Amino acid sequence: MRRAHGTGGRRAAARRRRTCLVLAGALLLATAPGCGLTSGSPMADDVRPGSIGKGRPLEGVDLTVTSKEFTEQLILGAIMGIAFEAAGADVLDRTGIQGSIGSREAVKNGDADAAYEYTGTAWITYLGNSKPITDPRRQWEAVRDADAKNGLTWLAPSALDNTYALAMNRANSEKYRTKTLSAVAALSKSDPGAVTLCVESEFANRADGLPGMEKAYGMDVPAANITQMDTGIIYTQAAKGSCTYGEVFTTDGRIKSMHLVVMEDDKQFFPHYNAAPEINTETLKKHPEIAGILDPITKKLDNSVAQDLNAKVDVDGQDPHQVALDWMKREGFVKEG
């Protein structure tokens, strides 16, 4: 599943480039993600245990965290690293790896110890299954069981589910009164001209995108009513009402900031992409305390939290790591050192 990077991805890339220059000037061997080397850079947050990490069970342990390069992943990677720091670990930051496969392979081969990954991505992209499992818990269980032989252990999943959806602005929501995709399908039959869509080209052609959604819901939207465009433009066009419904990602911060109303996938057509900690199995065997440190944090993560945190980066221009740190302190997981 493709993820939107938005402005946060560009800001993060710029931040990594600045870090590279600073470290190069200091003649340090450790470089930040994106510098072309793999050693990463140490996290140096002044934190101590709050509700997690009490007794500092990872005192003196070296751990490496990684993530993909888009906003949500940078935040989740930072959250994980800060949790390990509070528990006493020395943490190497290798967040921001380009592409989906890179961060997973790093955890799998031991170049990194842990990352937040998505169940649907693992099931479909990494494990090669074509049909998603509609129940999110069973989807996670299937991934957990299948990845056990790959040297990867999946801890309990969060409610954060970064999947596809259709969304509309408040004015159109009040006008058409649709709350579910079934209602959108009914509207497409009773008033075909009312249902206009703004979608990415990928979504327009994927089996788990528009074609599959139309089939699952008995929806037949004329080609003339479908406009393909870049992700960022979709949000602005849906907010303006230039298209009645725009394709969105359910944890994107622009949903809240632009006051968009998301349609419920009442037939559970779209795959579930719940975020869960993916841990190198050997690392977890050596340090089983990791599970107890991460579980309370993962339980707190849901779409509303993700939208708020993502918006602070993509809308307000804040740094992903600082956003993660502020949230960890605000929730009481860690305290200032």
Protein backbone atom coordinates (compact mmCIF):
# COMPACT_ATOMS: atom_id res chain seq x y z
CA MET A 1 0.00 0.00 0.00
CA ARG A 2 1.37 3.38 -0.95
CA ARG A 3 1.69 5.96 1.83
CA ALA A 4 1.53 9.70 1.37
CA HIS A 5 4.66 11.55 2.46
CA GLY A 6 3.28 15.07 2.18
CA THR A 7 5.32 18.06 3.31
CA GLY A 8 6.47 16.18 6.40
CA GLY A 9 8.50 13.78 4.27
CA ARG A 10 10.32 16.67 2.62
CA ARG A 11 10.97 18.36 5.95
CA ALA A 12 12.32 15.12 7.39
CA ALA A 13 14.60 14.65 4.39
CA ALA A 14 15.92 18.17 4.86
CA ARG A 15 16.45 17.53 8.56
CA ARG A 16 18.46 14.40 7.75
CA ARG A 17 20.56 16.30 5.21
CA ARG A 18 21.32 18.97 7.82
CA THR A 19 22.28 16.24 10.29
CA CYS A 20 24.59 14.67 7.72
CA LEU A 21 26.41 17.96 7.24
CA VAL A 22 26.82 18.53 10.96
CA LEU A 23 28.16 15.06 11.58
CA ALA A 24 30.46 15.21 8.59
CA GLY A 25 31.86 18.50 9.83
CA ALA A 26 32.51 16.91 13.21
CA LEU A 27 34.28 13.98 11.52
CA LEU A 28 32.00 11.47 13.20
CA LEU A 29 31.66 8.02 11.72
CA ALA A 30 28.03 7.59 12.70
CA THR A 31 25.78 9.23 10.15
CA ALA A 32 22.08 9.86 10.06
CA PRO A 33 19.61 7.96 7.91
CA GLY A 34 19.75 9.11 4.32
CA CYS A 35 23.50 9.94 4.35
CA GLY A 36 24.30 6.82 2.36
CA LEU A 37 25.77 4.82 5.27
CA THR A 38 23.99 2.44 7.58
CA SER A 39 25.38 3.26 11.02
CA GLY A 40 22.69 5.77 12.00
CA SER A 41 22.99 8.42 14.68
CA PRO A 42 22.51 8.11 18.44
CA MET A 43 19.33 9.36 20.07
CA ALA A 44 20.14 11.76 22.88
CA ASP A 45 16.85 12.64 24.54
CA ASP A 46 17.05 13.68 28.18
CA VAL A 47 14.33 11.33 29.45
CA ARG A 48 13.71 9.03 32.37
CA PRO A 49 10.99 6.49 33.14
CA GLY A 50 7.43 7.66 33.57
CA SER A 51 4.74 5.00 33.43
CA ILE A 52 7.03 2.83 31.27
CA GLY A 53 10.65 1.78 31.74
CA LYS A 54 10.58 1.76 35.54
CA GLY A 55 13.71 0.22 37.00
CA ARG A 56 15.46 0.91 33.67
CA PRO A 57 15.47 -2.77 32.59
CA LEU A 58 17.42 -1.97 29.42
CA GLU A 59 20.26 -0.19 31.22
CA GLY A 60 23.40 -0.37 29.06
CA VAL A 61 21.70 -2.30 26.22
CA ASP A 62 22.42 -1.14 22.65
CA LEU A 63 19.30 -1.08 20.47
CA THR A 64 18.67 0.20 16.95
CA VAL A 65 15.25 1.42 15.82
CA THR A 66 14.20 1.96 12.23
CA SER A 67 11.24 3.17 10.19
CA LYS A 68 10.13 4.07 6.71
CA GLU A 69 10.52 7.66 5.55
CA PHE A 70 7.00 9.13 5.70
CA THR A 71 5.70 11.29 8.53
CA GLU A 72 3.75 8.73 10.54
CA GLN A 73 6.62 6.26 10.43
CA LEU A 74 9.17 8.86 11.53
CA ILE A 75 6.95 9.66 14.52
CA LEU A 76 6.39 6.00 15.42
CA GLY A 77 10.11 5.25 15.12
CA ALA A 78 10.91 8.15 17.43
CA ILE A 79 8.27 7.03 19.94
CA MET A 80 9.84 3.56 20.06
CA GLY A 81 13.37 4.90 20.44
CA ILE A 82 12.38 7.34 23.20
CA ALA A 83 10.69 4.49 25.09
CA PHE A 84 13.89 2.43 24.92
CA GLU A 85 15.95 5.44 26.06
CA ALA A 86 13.74 5.94 29.10
CA ALA A 87 14.23 2.26 29.96
CA GLY A 88 18.00 2.78 29.94
CA ALA A 89 19.02 1.69 26.45
CA ASP A 90 21.54 3.40 24.20
CA VAL A 91 19.52 3.87 21.04
CA LEU A 92 20.79 4.17 17.49
CA ASP A 93 18.38 6.03 15.20
CA ARG A 94 18.00 4.52 11.74
CA THR A 95 14.55 5.91 11.02
CA GLY A 96 13.66 7.25 7.59
CA ILE A 97 14.73 4.36 5.36
CA GLN A 98 13.35 4.78 1.84
CA GLY A 99 10.78 2.31 0.58
CA SER A 100 8.74 -0.29 2.42
CA ILE A 101 11.12 -3.23 2.30
CA GLY A 102 14.27 -1.56 3.64
CA SER A 103 13.19 -1.10 7.25
CA ARG A 104 11.71 -4.59 7.46
CA GLU A 105 14.86 -6.17 6.07
CA ALA A 106 16.95 -4.22 8.58
CA VAL A 107 14.96 -5.76 11.46
CA LYS A 108 14.91 -9.17 9.81
CA ASN A 109 18.67 -9.38 9.26
CA GLY A 110 19.63 -7.82 12.58
CA ASP A 111 20.87 -4.44 11.31
CA ALA A 112 18.04 -3.01 13.40
CA ASP A 113 16.19 -4.41 16.39
CA ALA A 114 12.69 -3.04 16.08
CA ALA A 115 10.20 -0.97 14.11
CA TYR A 116 6.50 -0.21 13.94
CA GLU A 117 5.12 -2.00 10.88
CA TYR A 118 1.66 -2.41 9.36
CA THR A 119 -0.15 -5.75 9.37
CA GLY A 120 -1.66 -5.32 5.92
CA THR A 121 1.67 -4.35 4.38
CA ALA A 122 3.31 -7.44 5.84
CA TRP A 123 0.48 -9.77 4.78
CA ILE A 124 0.15 -8.51 1.21
CA THR A 125 3.48 -6.90 0.26
CA TYR A 126 6.04 -8.94 2.21
CA LEU A 127 4.33 -12.30 2.62
CA GLY A 128 2.77 -12.33 -0.84
CA ASN A 129 -0.89 -12.89 -0.04
CA SER A 130 -3.42 -11.42 -2.46
CA LYS A 131 -6.49 -11.53 -0.22
CA PRO A 132 -6.55 -9.54 3.04
CA ILE A 133 -8.19 -10.89 6.18
CA THR A 134 -11.21 -8.77 7.09
CA ASP A 135 -10.95 -9.15 10.87
CA PRO A 136 -8.05 -6.95 12.09
CA ARG A 137 -7.13 -9.23 14.99
CA ARG A 138 -7.07 -12.30 12.77
CA GLN A 139 -5.02 -10.35 10.21
CA TRP A 140 -2.42 -9.60 12.90
CA GLU A 141 -2.43 -13.21 14.12
CA ALA A 142 -1.87 -14.48 10.58
CA VAL A 143 1.08 -12.11 10.12
CA ARG A 144 2.49 -12.98 13.53
CA ASP A 145 2.35 -16.70 12.79
CA ALA A 146 3.72 -16.43 9.25
CA ASP A 147 6.62 -14.17 10.25
CA ALA A 148 7.73 -16.37 13.15
CA LYS A 149 9.81 -18.45 10.73
CA ASN A 150 11.41 -15.27 9.35
CA GLY A 151 13.02 -14.34 12.65
CA LEU A 152 10.46 -11.62 13.35
CA THR A 153 8.15 -11.36 16.36
CA TRP A 154 5.05 -9.20 16.20
CA LEU A 155 3.89 -7.69 19.48
CA ALA A 156 0.24 -6.81 20.11
CA PRO A 157 -1.23 -4.40 17.52
CA SER A 158 -2.58 -0.91 17.97
CA ALA A 159 -5.97 0.41 16.92
CA LEU A 160 -4.12 2.74 14.54
CA ASP A 161 -5.29 1.52 11.11
CA ASN A 162 -3.73 3.44 8.23
CA THR A 163 -5.93 2.26 5.37
CA TYR A 164 -7.84 3.73 2.45
CA ALA A 165 -11.12 5.65 2.81
CA LEU A 166 -13.34 8.14 1.02
CA ALA A 167 -13.91 11.51 2.66
CA MET A 168 -15.96 14.64 1.90
CA ASN A 169 -16.21 18.17 3.24
CA ARG A 170 -18.78 19.22 5.85
CA ALA A 171 -21.04 21.01 3.36
CA ASN A 172 -21.36 17.95 1.14
CA SER A 173 -21.79 15.74 4.20
CA GLU A 174 -24.78 17.83 5.30
CA LYS A 175 -26.15 17.90 1.75
CA TYR A 176 -25.91 14.20 0.91
CA ARG A 177 -26.02 12.67 4.42
CA THR A 178 -23.81 9.70 3.52
CA LYS A 179 -21.91 8.09 6.38
CA THR A 180 -20.93 4.75 4.86
CA LEU A 181 -19.65 3.44 1.55
CA SER A 182 -22.94 1.56 1.16
CA ALA A 183 -24.70 4.92 1.29
CA VAL A 184 -22.31 6.31 -1.32
CA ALA A 185 -23.14 3.32 -3.56
CA ALA A 186 -26.87 3.99 -3.10
CA LEU A 187 -26.33 7.67 -3.96
CA SER A 188 -24.41 6.71 -7.10
CA LYS A 189 -27.53 4.89 -8.30
CA SER A 190 -30.20 7.39 -7.20
CA ASP A 191 -28.24 10.50 -8.27
CA PRO A 192 -25.26 9.47 -10.46
CA GLY A 193 -24.08 13.03 -10.99
CA ALA A 194 -23.70 13.58 -7.24
CA VAL A 195 -20.86 11.08 -6.83
CA THR A 196 -17.63 12.54 -8.19
CA LEU A 197 -14.30 11.09 -7.04
CA CYS A 198 -10.76 12.45 -6.71
CA VAL A 199 -8.29 9.56 -6.49
CA GLU A 200 -4.64 8.68 -7.05
CA SER A 201 -3.80 6.79 -10.24
CA GLU A 202 -2.61 3.85 -8.13
CA PHE A 203 -5.88 3.66 -6.21
CA ALA A 204 -7.81 3.92 -9.48
CA ASN A 205 -6.19 0.74 -10.78
CA ARG A 206 -5.51 -1.45 -7.72
CA ALA A 207 -7.64 -4.51 -6.99
CA ASP A 208 -7.78 -3.36 -3.35
CA GLY A 209 -8.57 0.18 -4.51
CA LEU A 210 -11.34 1.69 -6.62
CA PRO A 211 -12.17 -1.29 -8.90
CA GLY A 212 -12.50 -3.65 -5.94
CA MET A 213 -14.44 -1.12 -3.89
CA GLU A 214 -16.94 -0.56 -6.71
CA LYS A 215 -17.42 -4.31 -7.10
CA ALA A 216 -17.79 -4.95 -3.36
CA TYR A 217 -20.38 -2.20 -2.93
CA GLY A 218 -22.17 -2.52 -6.26
CA MET A 219 -21.03 0.97 -7.15
CA ASP A 220 -20.75 2.08 -10.78
CA VAL A 221 -19.21 5.54 -11.04
CA PRO A 222 -18.90 6.82 -14.64
CA ALA A 223 -15.33 7.42 -15.79
CA ALA A 224 -16.23 11.06 -16.46
CA ASN A 225 -16.92 11.46 -12.70
CA ILE A 226 -13.46 10.20 -11.67
CA THR A 227 -10.44 12.53 -11.63
CA GLN A 228 -6.95 11.21 -10.98
CA MET A 229 -4.47 13.48 -9.19
CA ASP A 230 -1.61 13.57 -6.68
CA THR A 231 -2.36 12.75 -3.05
CA GLY A 232 -1.93 16.23 -1.59
CA ILE A 233 -4.21 17.81 -4.19
CA ILE A 234 -6.95 15.29 -3.39
CA TYR A 235 -7.29 16.62 0.15
CA THR A 236 -7.54 20.24 -0.97
CA GLN A 237 -10.01 19.45 -3.76
CA ALA A 238 -12.22 17.39 -1.44
CA ALA A 239 -12.08 20.21 1.14
CA LYS A 240 -13.16 22.71 -1.53
CA GLY A 241 -15.92 20.41 -2.72
CA SER A 242 -14.47 20.25 -6.25
CA CYS A 243 -15.08 16.52 -5.98
CA THR A 244 -17.73 15.09 -3.68
CA TYR A 245 -15.47 12.33 -2.35
CA GLY A 246 -11.70 12.15 -2.14
CA GLU A 247 -9.51 9.11 -1.51
CA VAL A 248 -7.67 9.58 1.80
CA PHE A 249 -5.55 7.65 4.27
CA THR A 250 -7.41 7.23 7.55
CA THR A 251 -4.60 8.49 9.81
CA ASP A 252 -3.64 11.54 7.72
CA GLY A 253 -3.55 14.74 9.77
CA ARG A 254 -5.20 16.71 6.99
CA ILE A 255 -8.50 14.93 7.66
CA LYS A 256 -8.90 16.85 10.91
CA SER A 257 -7.23 20.07 9.83
CA MET A 258 -9.43 20.32 6.72
CA HIS A 259 -12.56 19.14 8.58
CA LEU A 260 -13.18 16.19 6.27
CA VAL A 261 -15.81 13.56 7.06
CA VAL A 262 -14.67 9.95 6.50
CA MET A 263 -17.06 7.33 5.12
CA GLU A 264 -17.24 4.10 7.12
CA ASP A 265 -16.12 1.00 5.23
CA ASP A 266 -19.18 -0.88 6.49
CA LYS A 267 -18.47 -4.02 4.44
CA GLN A 268 -14.80 -4.01 5.55
CA PHE A 269 -13.51 -4.13 1.99
CA PHE A 270 -10.23 -2.28 2.47
CA PRO A 271 -7.30 -4.19 4.01
CA HIS A 272 -6.40 -3.42 7.62
CA TYR A 273 -3.07 -1.72 8.16
CA ASN A 274 -2.78 -1.77 11.95
CA ALA A 275 0.56 -0.59 13.30
CA ALA A 276 2.34 -3.04 15.61
CA PRO A 277 5.90 -3.45 16.90
CA GLU A 278 7.94 -5.79 14.73
CA ILE A 279 10.93 -7.07 16.73
CA ASN A 280 13.96 -9.10 15.74
CA THR A 281 13.27 -12.40 17.51
CA GLU A 282 16.82 -12.84 18.79
CA THR A 283 16.73 -9.35 20.27
CA LEU A 284 13.46 -10.10 22.03
CA LYS A 285 14.86 -13.36 23.44
CA LYS A 286 17.77 -11.42 24.94
CA HIS A 287 15.59 -8.56 26.17
CA PRO A 288 12.02 -9.77 26.76
CA GLU A 289 11.38 -6.57 28.74
CA ILE A 290 10.87 -4.82 25.39
CA ALA A 291 7.32 -6.18 25.15
CA GLY A 292 6.29 -4.71 28.50
CA ILE A 293 7.82 -1.36 27.60
CA LEU A 294 6.04 -1.02 24.26
CA ASP A 295 2.64 -2.58 25.01
CA PRO A 296 1.15 0.38 26.98
CA ILE A 297 2.28 2.79 24.25
CA THR A 298 0.86 0.67 21.43
CA LYS A 299 -2.49 0.43 23.25
CA LYS A 300 -2.71 4.23 23.26
CA LEU A 301 -2.23 4.59 19.50
CA ASP A 302 -5.37 4.96 17.40
CA ASN A 303 -6.43 6.90 14.30
CA SER A 304 -7.34 10.03 16.25
CA VAL A 305 -3.94 10.14 17.96
CA ALA A 306 -2.19 9.51 14.65
CA GLN A 307 -4.14 12.25 12.89
CA ASP A 308 -3.22 14.74 15.62
CA LEU A 309 0.47 13.83 15.60
CA ASN A 310 0.73 13.70 11.81
CA ALA A 311 -0.95 17.11 11.53
CA LYS A 312 1.63 18.67 13.83
CA VAL A 313 4.26 17.72 11.24
CA ASP A 314 2.44 17.95 7.90
CA VAL A 315 0.22 20.94 8.71
CA ASP A 316 2.07 22.84 11.46
CA GLY A 317 5.61 22.10 10.25
CA GLN A 318 6.95 20.65 13.51
CA ASP A 319 9.82 18.15 13.71
CA PRO A 320 8.63 14.49 13.87
CA HIS A 321 10.99 13.54 16.68
CA GLN A 322 9.95 16.52 18.80
CA VAL A 323 6.28 15.71 18.17
CA ALA A 324 6.92 12.16 19.40
CA LEU A 325 8.82 13.36 22.47
CA ASP A 326 6.15 15.89 23.42
CA TRP A 327 3.43 13.22 23.13
CA MET A 328 5.40 10.71 25.21
CA LYS A 329 5.80 13.31 27.96
CA ARG A 330 2.19 14.50 27.73
CA GLU A 331 0.90 10.94 28.10
CA GLY A 332 3.19 10.37 31.09
CA PHE A 333 5.12 7.51 29.45
CA VAL A 334 8.40 9.34 30.04
CA LYS A 335 9.55 12.27 32.13
CA GLU A 336 12.19 14.87 31.46
CA GLY A 337 15.53 13.56 32.70
